C-alpha atoms as a PDB file:
ATOM      1  CA  UNK A   1      56.359  23.192 -19.635  1.00  0.00           C
ATOM      2  CA  UNK A   2      55.494  20.523 -17.002  1.00  0.00           C
ATOM      3  CA  UNK A   3      52.083  18.831 -17.002  1.00  0.00           C
ATOM      4  CA  UNK A   4      50.343  17.612 -13.865  1.00  0.00           C
ATOM      5  CA  UNK A   5      48.807  14.020 -14.213  1.00  0.00           C
ATOM      6  CA  UNK A   6      45.273  13.474 -12.764  1.00  0.00           C
ATOM      7  CA  UNK A   7      44.506  10.135 -11.123  1.00  0.00           C
ATOM      8  CA  UNK A   8      42.825   7.666 -13.010  1.00  0.00           C
ATOM      9  CA  UNK A   9      39.181   7.627 -12.688  1.00  0.00           C
ATOM     10  CA  UNK A  10      37.836   5.645 -10.142  1.00  0.00           C
ATOM     11  CA  UNK A  11      41.154   6.056  -7.841  1.00  0.00           C
ATOM     12  CA  UNK A  12      41.117   8.372  -4.889  1.00  0.00           C
ATOM     13  CA  UNK A  13      43.653  10.939  -5.067  1.00  0.00           C
ATOM     14  CA  UNK A  14      46.902  10.629  -3.640  1.00  0.00           C
ATOM     15  CA  UNK A  15      47.381  11.856   0.014  1.00  0.00           C
ATOM     16  CA  UNK A  16      50.857  11.723   1.813  1.00  0.00           C
ATOM     17  CA  UNK A  17      50.849   9.274   4.726  1.00  0.00           C
ATOM     18  CA  UNK A  18      51.619  11.860   7.305  1.00  0.00           C
ATOM     19  CA  UNK A  19      48.320  13.594   6.412  1.00  0.00           C
ATOM     20  CA  UNK A  20      45.438  13.747   8.799  1.00  0.00           C
ATOM     21  CA  UNK A  21      42.922  12.413   5.623  1.00  0.00           C
ATOM     22  CA  UNK A  22      45.305   9.397   5.419  1.00  0.00           C
ATOM     23  CA  UNK A  23      44.925   8.811   9.202  1.00  0.00           C
ATOM     24  CA  UNK A  24      41.155   9.333   9.185  1.00  0.00           C
ATOM     25  CA  UNK A  25      40.752   6.782   6.228  1.00  0.00           C
ATOM     26  CA  UNK A  26      42.740   4.202   8.372  1.00  0.00           C
ATOM     27  CA  UNK A  27      40.910   5.271  11.933  1.00  0.00           C
ATOM     28  CA  UNK A  28      37.363   5.428  10.567  1.00  0.00           C
ATOM     29  CA  UNK A  29      36.333   2.022  10.270  1.00  0.00           C
ATOM     30  CA  UNK A  30      37.647   1.140  13.687  1.00  0.00           C
ATOM     31  CA  UNK A  31      35.694   4.392  15.065  1.00  0.00           C
ATOM     32  CA  UNK A  32      32.279   3.246  13.481  1.00  0.00           C
ATOM     33  CA  UNK A  33      32.307  -0.283  14.620  1.00  0.00           C
ATOM     34  CA  UNK A  34      33.746   0.480  18.204  1.00  0.00           C
ATOM     35  CA  UNK A  35      30.210   1.156  19.552  1.00  0.00           C
ATOM     36  CA  UNK A  36      29.318  -2.488  19.250  1.00  0.00           C
ATOM     37  CA  UNK A  37      32.747  -3.677  21.150  1.00  0.00           C
ATOM     38  CA  UNK A  38      32.239  -1.022  23.697  1.00  0.00           C
ATOM     39  CA  UNK A  39      28.641  -2.066  24.473  1.00  0.00           C
ATOM     40  CA  UNK A  40      29.693  -5.901  24.272  1.00  0.00           C
ATOM     41  CA  UNK A  41      32.484  -5.195  26.759  1.00  0.00           C
ATOM     42  CA  UNK A  42      30.271  -3.355  28.956  1.00  0.00           C
ATOM     43  CA  UNK A  43      27.319  -5.594  29.084  1.00  0.00           C
ATOM     44  CA  UNK A  44      28.720  -8.851  27.839  1.00  0.00           C
ATOM     45  CA  UNK A  45      32.377  -9.548  28.493  1.00  0.00           C
ATOM     46  CA  UNK A  46      32.804  -7.824  31.906  1.00  0.00           C
ATOM     47  CA  UNK A  47      29.654  -9.559  33.466  1.00  0.00           C
ATOM     48  CA  UNK A  48      30.863 -12.720  32.211  1.00  0.00           C
ATOM     49  CA  UNK A  49      34.348 -12.478  33.403  1.00  0.00           C
ATOM     50  CA  UNK A  50      33.129 -10.705  36.535  1.00  0.00           C
ATOM     51  CA  UNK A  51      30.959 -13.498  37.458  1.00  0.00           C
ATOM     52  CA  UNK A  52      33.847 -16.073  37.401  1.00  0.00           C
ATOM     53  CA  UNK A  53      35.527 -13.718  40.026  1.00  0.00           C
ATOM     54  CA  UNK A  54      32.476 -13.703  41.734  1.00  0.00           C
ATOM     55  CA  UNK A  55      32.085 -17.587  41.668  1.00  0.00           C
ATOM     56  CA  UNK A  56      35.545 -18.243  43.620  1.00  0.00           C
ATOM     57  CA  UNK A  57      34.193 -15.834  46.317  1.00  0.00           C
ATOM     58  CA  UNK A  58      32.035 -16.222  49.343  1.00  0.00           C
ATOM     59  CA  UNK A  59      29.899 -13.244  48.124  1.00  0.00           C
ATOM     60  CA  UNK A  60      26.953 -12.325  50.190  1.00  0.00           C
ATOM     61  CA  UNK A  61      27.062  -8.503  50.154  1.00  0.00           C
ATOM     62  CA  UNK A  62      28.451  -5.609  47.836  1.00  0.00           C
ATOM     63  CA  UNK A  63      31.312  -4.752  50.455  1.00  0.00           C
ATOM     64  CA  UNK A  64      32.090  -8.032  52.498  1.00  0.00           C
ATOM     65  CA  UNK A  65      33.566 -11.081  50.645  1.00  0.00           C
ATOM     66  CA  UNK A  66      36.182 -13.846  50.787  1.00  0.00           C
ATOM     67  CA  UNK A  67      38.350 -15.569  48.039  1.00  0.00           C
ATOM     68  CA  UNK A  68      37.617 -19.432  48.852  1.00  0.00           C
ATOM     69  CA  UNK A  69      38.793 -20.661  45.227  1.00  0.00           C
ATOM     70  CA  UNK A  70      36.797 -23.628  43.819  1.00  0.00           C
ATOM     71  CA  UNK A  71      34.588 -24.560  47.199  1.00  0.00           C
ATOM     72  CA  UNK A  72      31.595 -23.315  45.453  1.00  0.00           C
ATOM     73  CA  UNK A  73      32.298 -25.741  42.838  1.00  0.00           C
ATOM     74  CA  UNK A  74      32.889 -28.285  45.054  1.00  0.00           C
ATOM     75  CA  UNK A  75      29.546 -27.514  46.778  1.00  0.00           C
ATOM     76  CA  UNK A  76      27.864 -28.684  43.666  1.00  0.00           C
ATOM     77  CA  UNK A  77      28.693 -32.526  44.338  1.00  0.00           C
ATOM     78  CA  UNK A  78      26.968 -32.467  47.986  1.00  0.00           C
ATOM     79  CA  UNK A  79      24.315 -30.047  47.383  1.00  0.00           C
ATOM     80  CA  UNK A  80      20.962 -32.283  46.939  1.00  0.00           C
ATOM     81  CA  UNK A  81      18.786 -29.119  45.794  1.00  0.00           C
ATOM     82  CA  UNK A  82      21.468 -28.804  43.093  1.00  0.00           C
ATOM     83  CA  UNK A  83      21.107 -32.588  42.258  1.00  0.00           C
ATOM     84  CA  UNK A  84      17.206 -32.381  42.327  1.00  0.00           C
ATOM     85  CA  UNK A  85      17.368 -29.500  39.931  1.00  0.00           C
ATOM     86  CA  UNK A  86      19.636 -31.088  37.707  1.00  0.00           C
ATOM     87  CA  UNK A  87      17.507 -34.174  37.781  1.00  0.00           C
ATOM     88  CA  UNK A  88      14.404 -32.328  37.269  1.00  0.00           C
ATOM     89  CA  UNK A  89      15.678 -30.303  34.709  1.00  0.00           C
ATOM     90  CA  UNK A  90      16.857 -33.236  32.864  1.00  0.00           C
ATOM     91  CA  UNK A  91      13.826 -35.365  32.880  1.00  0.00           C
ATOM     92  CA  UNK A  92      11.623 -32.579  31.769  1.00  0.00           C
ATOM     93  CA  UNK A  93      14.546 -31.941  28.942  1.00  0.00           C
ATOM     94  CA  UNK A  94      14.202 -35.609  27.722  1.00  0.00           C
ATOM     95  CA  UNK A  95      10.344 -35.011  27.195  1.00  0.00           C
ATOM     96  CA  UNK A  96      10.080 -31.502  26.328  1.00  0.00           C
ATOM     97  CA  UNK A  97      12.697 -31.541  23.431  1.00  0.00           C
ATOM     98  CA  UNK A  98      11.290 -34.585  21.443  1.00  0.00           C
ATOM     99  CA  UNK A  99       7.620 -33.550  21.875  1.00  0.00           C
ATOM    100  CA  UNK A 100       8.343 -29.930  21.011  1.00  0.00           C
ATOM    101  CA  UNK A 101       9.889 -31.417  17.739  1.00  0.00           C
ATOM    102  CA  UNK A 102       7.400 -33.535  16.762  1.00  0.00           C
ATOM    103  CA  UNK A 103       4.522 -31.208  17.505  1.00  0.00           C
ATOM    104  CA  UNK A 104       6.041 -28.189  15.828  1.00  0.00           C
ATOM    105  CA  UNK A 105       7.013 -30.119  12.685  1.00  0.00           C
ATOM    106  CA  UNK A 106       3.607 -31.685  12.325  1.00  0.00           C
ATOM    107  CA  UNK A 107       1.915 -28.278  12.810  1.00  0.00           C
ATOM    108  CA  UNK A 108       4.156 -26.620  10.330  1.00  0.00           C
ATOM    109  CA  UNK A 109       3.514 -29.473   7.963  1.00  0.00           C
ATOM    110  CA  UNK A 110      -0.280 -28.763   8.043  1.00  0.00           C
ATOM    111  CA  UNK A 111       0.210 -25.074   7.571  1.00  0.00           C
ATOM    112  CA  UNK A 112       2.432 -25.344   4.885  1.00  0.00           C
ATOM    113  CA  UNK A 113      -0.451 -26.889   2.640  1.00  0.00           C
ATOM    114  CA  UNK A 114      -2.607 -24.633   0.680  1.00  0.00           C
ATOM    115  CA  UNK A 115      -5.576 -24.856   3.496  1.00  0.00           C
ATOM    116  CA  UNK A 116      -8.103 -21.761   3.659  1.00  0.00           C
ATOM    117  CA  UNK A 117      -7.193 -19.558   6.656  1.00  0.00           C
ATOM    118  CA  UNK A 118      -3.547 -20.613   7.324  1.00  0.00           C
ATOM    119  CA  UNK A 119      -2.345 -17.356   7.925  1.00  0.00           C
ATOM    120  CA  UNK A 120      -4.954 -17.239  10.727  1.00  0.00           C
ATOM    121  CA  UNK A 121      -3.999 -20.340  12.132  1.00  0.00           C
ATOM    122  CA  UNK A 122      -0.107 -19.593  12.084  1.00  0.00           C
ATOM    123  CA  UNK A 123      -0.849 -16.560  13.968  1.00  0.00           C
ATOM    124  CA  UNK A 124      -2.985 -18.189  16.463  1.00  0.00           C
ATOM    125  CA  UNK A 125      -0.286 -20.764  17.128  1.00  0.00           C
ATOM    126  CA  UNK A 126       2.411 -18.302  17.772  1.00  0.00           C
ATOM    127  CA  UNK A 127       0.347 -15.995  19.803  1.00  0.00           C
ATOM    128  CA  UNK A 128       1.335 -17.746  22.933  1.00  0.00           C
ATOM    129  CA  UNK A 129       4.845 -16.524  22.455  1.00  0.00           C
ATOM    130  CA  UNK A 130       4.074 -12.929  22.767  1.00  0.00           C
ATOM    131  CA  UNK A 131       1.486 -13.369  25.385  1.00  0.00           C
ATOM    132  CA  UNK A 132       2.155 -11.962  28.651  1.00  0.00           C
ATOM    133  CA  UNK A 133       3.920 -14.815  30.779  1.00  0.00           C
ATOM    134  CA  UNK A 134       2.380 -13.335  34.148  1.00  0.00           C
ATOM    135  CA  UNK A 135      -1.123 -13.603  32.504  1.00  0.00           C
ATOM    136  CA  UNK A 136      -0.428 -17.049  31.219  1.00  0.00           C
ATOM    137  CA  UNK A 137       1.066 -18.026  34.606  1.00  0.00           C
ATOM    138  CA  UNK A 138      -1.952 -16.884  36.341  1.00  0.00           C
ATOM    139  CA  UNK A 139      -4.286 -18.731  33.955  1.00  0.00           C
ATOM    140  CA  UNK A 140      -2.425 -21.926  34.225  1.00  0.00           C
ATOM    141  CA  UNK A 141      -2.568 -21.818  37.971  1.00  0.00           C
ATOM    142  CA  UNK A 142      -6.143 -21.077  38.039  1.00  0.00           C
ATOM    143  CA  UNK A 143      -6.673 -24.049  35.526  1.00  0.00           C
ATOM    144  CA  UNK A 144      -4.213 -26.466  37.236  1.00  0.00           C
ATOM    145  CA  UNK A 145      -4.040 -25.233  40.786  1.00  0.00           C
ATOM    146  CA  UNK A 146      -7.118 -23.862  41.870  1.00  0.00           C
ATOM    147  CA  UNK A 147     -10.006 -25.976  43.449  1.00  0.00           C
ATOM    148  CA  UNK A 148     -12.354 -23.873  41.794  1.00  0.00           C
ATOM    149  CA  UNK A 149     -10.663 -24.188  38.336  1.00  0.00           C
ATOM    150  CA  UNK A 150     -12.985 -25.645  35.361  1.00  0.00           C
ATOM    151  CA  UNK A 151     -11.230 -28.909  35.843  1.00  0.00           C
ATOM    152  CA  UNK A 152     -12.434 -29.145  39.573  1.00  0.00           C
ATOM    153  CA  UNK A 153     -16.286 -28.455  38.107  1.00  0.00           C
ATOM    154  CA  UNK A 154     -15.667 -31.392  35.925  1.00  0.00           C
ATOM    155  CA  UNK A 155     -14.579 -33.935  38.268  1.00  0.00           C
ATOM    156  CA  UNK A 156     -17.286 -33.051  40.815  1.00  0.00           C
ATOM    157  CA  UNK A 157     -19.857 -34.401  38.478  1.00  0.00           C
ATOM    158  CA  UNK A 158     -18.156 -37.792  39.018  1.00  0.00           C
ATOM    159  CA  UNK A 159     -17.829 -37.053  42.900  1.00  0.00           C
ATOM    160  CA  UNK A 160     -14.084 -36.795  42.526  1.00  0.00           C
ATOM    161  CA  UNK A 161     -12.695 -34.317  45.077  1.00  0.00           C
ATOM    162  CA  UNK A 162     -10.139 -31.868  43.222  1.00  0.00           C
ATOM    163  CA  UNK A 163      -7.602 -29.844  45.325  1.00  0.00           C
ATOM    164  CA  UNK A 164      -5.547 -28.623  42.799  1.00  0.00           C
ATOM    165  CA  UNK A 165      -2.850 -30.383  40.541  1.00  0.00           C
ATOM    166  CA  UNK A 166       0.001 -28.453  41.812  1.00  0.00           C
ATOM    167  CA  UNK A 167      -0.593 -29.544  45.293  1.00  0.00           C
ATOM    168  CA  UNK A 168       0.710 -32.958  44.349  1.00  0.00           C
ATOM    169  CA  UNK A 169       4.466 -33.563  43.116  1.00  0.00           C
ATOM    170  CA  UNK A 170       3.256 -36.251  40.736  1.00  0.00           C
ATOM    171  CA  UNK A 171       1.338 -33.677  38.567  1.00  0.00           C
ATOM    172  CA  UNK A 172       4.041 -30.836  38.566  1.00  0.00           C
ATOM    173  CA  UNK A 173       6.139 -31.841  36.088  1.00  0.00           C
ATOM    174  CA  UNK A 174       3.353 -32.508  33.634  1.00  0.00           C
ATOM    175  CA  UNK A 175       1.876 -29.108  34.187  1.00  0.00           C
ATOM    176  CA  UNK A 176       5.272 -27.501  33.652  1.00  0.00           C
ATOM    177  CA  UNK A 177       5.542 -29.632  30.570  1.00  0.00           C
ATOM    178  CA  UNK A 178       1.979 -28.703  29.308  1.00  0.00           C
ATOM    179  CA  UNK A 179       2.956 -25.077  29.975  1.00  0.00           C
ATOM    180  CA  UNK A 180       6.244 -24.636  28.010  1.00  0.00           C
ATOM    181  CA  UNK A 181       5.026 -26.861  25.177  1.00  0.00           C
ATOM    182  CA  UNK A 182       1.896 -24.543  24.780  1.00  0.00           C
ATOM    183  CA  UNK A 183       4.110 -21.546  25.040  1.00  0.00           C
ATOM    184  CA  UNK A 184       7.000 -22.394  22.671  1.00  0.00           C
ATOM    185  CA  UNK A 185       5.259 -24.773  19.880  1.00  0.00           C
ATOM    186  CA  UNK A 186       4.314 -22.137  17.948  1.00  0.00           C
ATOM    187  CA  UNK A 187       7.975 -20.450  18.263  1.00  0.00           C
ATOM    188  CA  UNK A 188       9.301 -23.918  17.025  1.00  0.00           C
ATOM    189  CA  UNK A 189       6.817 -24.192  14.603  1.00  0.00           C
ATOM    190  CA  UNK A 190       7.549 -21.015  12.797  1.00  0.00           C
ATOM    191  CA  UNK A 191      11.492 -22.501  12.257  1.00  0.00           C
ATOM    192  CA  UNK A 192      10.173 -25.554  11.002  1.00  0.00           C
ATOM    193  CA  UNK A 193       7.997 -23.722   8.630  1.00  0.00           C
ATOM    194  CA  UNK A 194      10.757 -21.603   7.259  1.00  0.00           C
ATOM    195  CA  UNK A 195      12.801 -24.881   6.913  1.00  0.00           C
ATOM    196  CA  UNK A 196       9.718 -26.417   4.753  1.00  0.00           C
ATOM    197  CA  UNK A 197       9.234 -23.931   2.539  1.00  0.00           C
ATOM    198  CA  UNK A 198      12.826 -23.849   1.615  1.00  0.00           C
ATOM    199  CA  UNK A 199      12.182 -27.654  -0.122  1.00  0.00           C
ATOM    200  CA  UNK A 200      11.405 -27.573  -3.873  1.00  0.00           C
ATOM    201  CA  UNK A 201       7.828 -28.711  -4.678  1.00  0.00           C
ATOM    202  CA  UNK A 202       9.489 -30.642  -7.479  1.00  0.00           C
ATOM    203  CA  UNK A 203      10.477 -33.082  -5.269  1.00  0.00           C
ATOM    204  CA  UNK A 204       7.249 -33.931  -3.694  1.00  0.00           C
ATOM    205  CA  UNK A 205       5.374 -33.796  -7.300  1.00  0.00           C
ATOM    206  CA  UNK A 206       8.074 -36.657  -8.592  1.00  0.00           C
ATOM    207  CA  UNK A 207       7.541 -38.561  -5.595  1.00  0.00           C
ATOM    208  CA  UNK A 208       3.769 -38.247  -6.265  1.00  0.00           C
ATOM    209  CA  UNK A 209       4.017 -39.573  -9.920  1.00  0.00           C
ATOM    210  CA  UNK A 210       6.131 -42.365  -8.637  1.00  0.00           C
ATOM    211  CA  UNK A 211       3.024 -43.621  -6.539  1.00  0.00           C
ATOM    212  CA  UNK A 212       4.217 -42.313  -3.202  1.00  0.00           C
ATOM    213  CA  UNK A 213       1.308 -40.987  -0.704  1.00  0.00           C
ATOM    214  CA  UNK A 214       1.693 -38.477   1.549  1.00  0.00           C
ATOM    215  CA  UNK A 215       3.218 -40.236   4.684  1.00  0.00           C
ATOM    216  CA  UNK A 216       5.956 -41.598   2.193  1.00  0.00           C
ATOM    217  CA  UNK A 217       6.736 -38.284   0.942  1.00  0.00           C
ATOM    218  CA  UNK A 218       6.946 -36.937   4.525  1.00  0.00           C
ATOM    219  CA  UNK A 219       9.333 -39.464   5.872  1.00  0.00           C
ATOM    220  CA  UNK A 220      11.437 -39.933   2.762  1.00  0.00           C
ATOM    221  CA  UNK A 221      11.689 -36.334   1.498  1.00  0.00           C
ATOM    222  CA  UNK A 222      10.804 -34.016   4.303  1.00  0.00           C
ATOM    223  CA  UNK A 223      12.555 -35.272   7.068  1.00  0.00           C
ATOM    224  CA  UNK A 224      16.284 -35.933   5.738  1.00  0.00           C
ATOM    225  CA  UNK A 225      15.976 -32.474   4.035  1.00  0.00           C
ATOM    226  CA  UNK A 226      14.970 -30.988   7.416  1.00  0.00           C
ATOM    227  CA  UNK A 227      17.548 -32.767   9.756  1.00  0.00           C
ATOM    228  CA  UNK A 228      19.519 -29.843  10.067  1.00  0.00           C
ATOM    229  CA  UNK A 229      16.212 -27.615  10.937  1.00  0.00           C
ATOM    230  CA  UNK A 230      14.927 -30.244  13.245  1.00  0.00           C
ATOM    231  CA  UNK A 231      18.686 -30.262  15.067  1.00  0.00           C
ATOM    232  CA  UNK A 232      18.672 -26.333  15.221  1.00  0.00           C
ATOM    233  CA  UNK A 233      15.043 -26.486  16.773  1.00  0.00           C
ATOM    234  CA  UNK A 234      16.362 -29.278  19.177  1.00  0.00           C
ATOM    235  CA  UNK A 235      19.264 -27.334  20.675  1.00  0.00           C
ATOM    236  CA  UNK A 236      17.239 -24.377  21.185  1.00  0.00           C
ATOM    237  CA  UNK A 237      14.515 -26.271  22.994  1.00  0.00           C
ATOM    238  CA  UNK A 238      17.538 -28.106  24.892  1.00  0.00           C
ATOM    239  CA  UNK A 239      19.273 -24.460  25.647  1.00  0.00           C
ATOM    240  CA  UNK A 240      15.878 -23.395  26.782  1.00  0.00           C
ATOM    241  CA  UNK A 241      15.067 -26.049  28.750  1.00  0.00           C
ATOM    242  CA  UNK A 242      17.734 -25.481  30.937  1.00  0.00           C
ATOM    243  CA  UNK A 243      17.301 -21.738  31.228  1.00  0.00           C
ATOM    244  CA  UNK A 244      13.507 -22.107  32.297  1.00  0.00           C
ATOM    245  CA  UNK A 245      12.618 -19.969  35.043  1.00  0.00           C
ATOM    246  CA  UNK A 246       9.201 -18.177  34.617  1.00  0.00           C
ATOM    247  CA  UNK A 247       7.015 -21.245  33.735  1.00  0.00           C
ATOM    248  CA  UNK A 248       8.055 -23.060  37.096  1.00  0.00           C
ATOM    249  CA  UNK A 249       8.143 -19.687  39.098  1.00  0.00           C
ATOM    250  CA  UNK A 250       4.750 -18.914  38.158  1.00  0.00           C
ATOM    251  CA  UNK A 251       3.558 -22.252  38.673  1.00  0.00           C
ATOM    252  CA  UNK A 252       5.271 -23.702  42.166  1.00  0.00           C
ATOM    253  CA  UNK A 253       7.069 -20.769  43.053  1.00  0.00           C
ATOM    254  CA  UNK A 254      11.028 -20.426  43.755  1.00  0.00           C
ATOM    255  CA  UNK A 255      11.140 -23.184  45.988  1.00  0.00           C
ATOM    256  CA  UNK A 256      10.004 -25.797  43.503  1.00  0.00           C
ATOM    257  CA  UNK A 257       6.654 -26.697  44.904  1.00  0.00           C
ATOM    258  CA  UNK A 258       5.648 -29.880  46.925  1.00  0.00           C
ATOM    259  CA  UNK A 259       9.044 -32.064  47.535  1.00  0.00           C
ATOM    260  CA  UNK A 260      10.861 -29.834  45.517  1.00  0.00           C
ATOM    261  CA  UNK A 261       9.313 -31.833  42.103  1.00  0.00           C
ATOM    262  CA  UNK A 262       9.313 -28.734  40.042  1.00  0.00           C
ATOM    263  CA  UNK A 263      12.761 -27.160  41.234  1.00  0.00           C
ATOM    264  CA  UNK A 264      14.626 -26.599  37.911  1.00  0.00           C
ATOM    265  CA  UNK A 265      18.241 -25.327  37.558  1.00  0.00           C
ATOM    266  CA  UNK A 266      16.621 -21.582  37.008  1.00  0.00           C
ATOM    267  CA  UNK A 267      15.112 -21.577  40.112  1.00  0.00           C
ATOM    268  CA  UNK A 268      17.747 -22.669  42.224  1.00  0.00           C
ATOM    269  CA  UNK A 269      20.403 -20.140  40.659  1.00  0.00           C
ATOM    270  CA  UNK A 270      17.603 -17.688  41.144  1.00  0.00           C
ATOM    271  CA  UNK A 271      16.935 -18.800  44.823  1.00  0.00           C
ATOM    272  CA  UNK A 272      20.765 -18.505  45.519  1.00  0.00           C
ATOM    273  CA  UNK A 273      21.288 -15.317  44.152  1.00  0.00           C
ATOM    274  CA  UNK A 274      18.218 -13.234  44.948  1.00  0.00           C
ATOM    275  CA  UNK A 275      16.671 -15.237  48.105  1.00  0.00           C
ATOM    276  CA  UNK A 276      19.876 -16.572  50.090  1.00  0.00           C
ATOM    277  CA  UNK A 277      22.098 -13.590  48.508  1.00  0.00           C
ATOM    278  CA  UNK A 278      24.940 -16.000  48.079  1.00  0.00           C
ATOM    279  CA  UNK A 279      25.855 -14.568  44.707  1.00  0.00           C
ATOM    280  CA  UNK A 280      29.164 -16.670  45.029  1.00  0.00           C
ATOM    281  CA  UNK A 281      27.330 -20.011  44.694  1.00  0.00           C
ATOM    282  CA  UNK A 282      25.120 -18.936  42.344  1.00  0.00           C
ATOM    283  CA  UNK A 283      27.503 -17.784  39.951  1.00  0.00           C
ATOM    284  CA  UNK A 284      29.283 -21.304  40.152  1.00  0.00           C
ATOM    285  CA  UNK A 285      25.717 -22.812  39.827  1.00  0.00           C
ATOM    286  CA  UNK A 286      25.199 -20.680  36.326  1.00  0.00           C
ATOM    287  CA  UNK A 287      28.666 -21.663  34.933  1.00  0.00           C
ATOM    288  CA  UNK A 288      27.755 -25.263  35.798  1.00  0.00           C
ATOM    289  CA  UNK A 289      24.553 -24.676  34.158  1.00  0.00           C
ATOM    290  CA  UNK A 290      26.369 -23.026  30.952  1.00  0.00           C
ATOM    291  CA  UNK A 291      28.917 -26.036  30.944  1.00  0.00           C
ATOM    292  CA  UNK A 292      25.801 -28.770  30.567  1.00  0.00           C
ATOM    293  CA  UNK A 293      24.260 -26.722  28.409  1.00  0.00           C
ATOM    294  CA  UNK A 294      27.439 -26.277  25.877  1.00  0.00           C
ATOM    295  CA  UNK A 295      28.152 -30.221  26.375  1.00  0.00           C
ATOM    296  CA  UNK A 296      24.582 -31.154  25.330  1.00  0.00           C
ATOM    297  CA  UNK A 297      24.370 -28.679  22.237  1.00  0.00           C
ATOM    298  CA  UNK A 298      27.660 -30.108  21.262  1.00  0.00           C
ATOM    299  CA  UNK A 299      26.419 -33.649  21.543  1.00  0.00           C
ATOM    300  CA  UNK A 300      23.350 -32.955  19.380  1.00  0.00           C
ATOM    301  CA  UNK A 301      25.442 -31.059  16.568  1.00  0.00           C
ATOM    302  CA  UNK A 302      27.673 -34.351  16.244  1.00  0.00           C
ATOM    303  CA  UNK A 303      24.374 -36.386  16.282  1.00  0.00           C
ATOM    304  CA  UNK A 304      23.072 -34.338  13.396  1.00  0.00           C
ATOM    305  CA  UNK A 305      26.175 -33.963  11.593  1.00  0.00           C
ATOM    306  CA  UNK A 306      26.530 -38.201  11.920  1.00  0.00           C
ATOM    307  CA  UNK A 307      23.072 -38.581  10.624  1.00  0.00           C
ATOM    308  CA  UNK A 308      23.216 -35.899   7.899  1.00  0.00           C
ATOM    309  CA  UNK A 309      26.529 -37.599   6.382  1.00  0.00           C
ATOM    310  CA  UNK A 310      24.945 -41.205   6.588  1.00  0.00           C
END
C-alpha cells in the first residue's frame, strides 16, 4: 500500500510550475510594488525626460515648437539675467550656508541641555517652518519695505527718513538673507538636535573629569562627532539656496527688485516659464541649475569625507 508523505513543517506544499498558484507567487511581488513605479514613471521620470526634450526646443506654446538643439544652453553664456541670478544666488549661498550651520548647531546645543521649558523653545524655533509663507512674506514686506513699519517709526525719532529697505539694492540681499534664516534655522536645528542626542553622554562626563570646560568639550567632542550631520545640513542648505523662490518672490517680486539685486535662480526660471512662456529656455535654466547643485553637493561630500578621514 502506497503511503503519501506530507511536506515538512514550515515548507509550502509542492505546486506544479504550470499551475496558476505558482505563477501568482512569482508575479505577486511585482504587482504589489508596481504602484510606486507607475506613479514614479508618470510624475517623476516622465517629467524629467520630457523637460530634456523641451530644453532642446523653441517652446513657447502647447502646439507650436521648433527644434533648436543646444541653442538654449548656448544662450546661458550670453544671458546677463542668468549671470546676475547665478551671482546673487552664489553670494547668498556663501552667506546663508555657514550662518545656517552656526545658528542651528548653536541653538541645538543649547536646547539639548536640561533646561526648563526646552520643549516650548524647540517648538517656538520650529514654528516658522510650518507658518504660511504668504503671511511671513507680507509680514517681512511690511517690516522691511513699508515706510510705515515700526523700523521707520524708530528712525523718525532720530530725524532719519525711512523709505523702505527693499527699494535700495544694497539692502535687498540682507533682507532675503534674514528671511531665509528666520524661516529655516529651526528646521536645521532639529537635524542638529537629532545628531547631538546620538552622542554618548559618557564622552562629556569623561572630558569633564579630565578638566575640560564646556567650550573645549564642544570643540573636541561635539564638532568632530557631528561632522557628517553638519555636512548633511550644509548640503541641504545649499540645495535649498539654489531653489529659493518664495522668499525672494514675496519680498522683491519676479524681477528681482531694484537693479535686479534680488534676482535668484528660482525667479529667473519662473519668469522665463510663466511670464515669458519660453519653456524651452526655462528648462535649460532648470537643468543648468540642477548641474550646479549636483556639482556643489558632490564637492561638499568629498570635503566632508576627507575631513572625517583626517
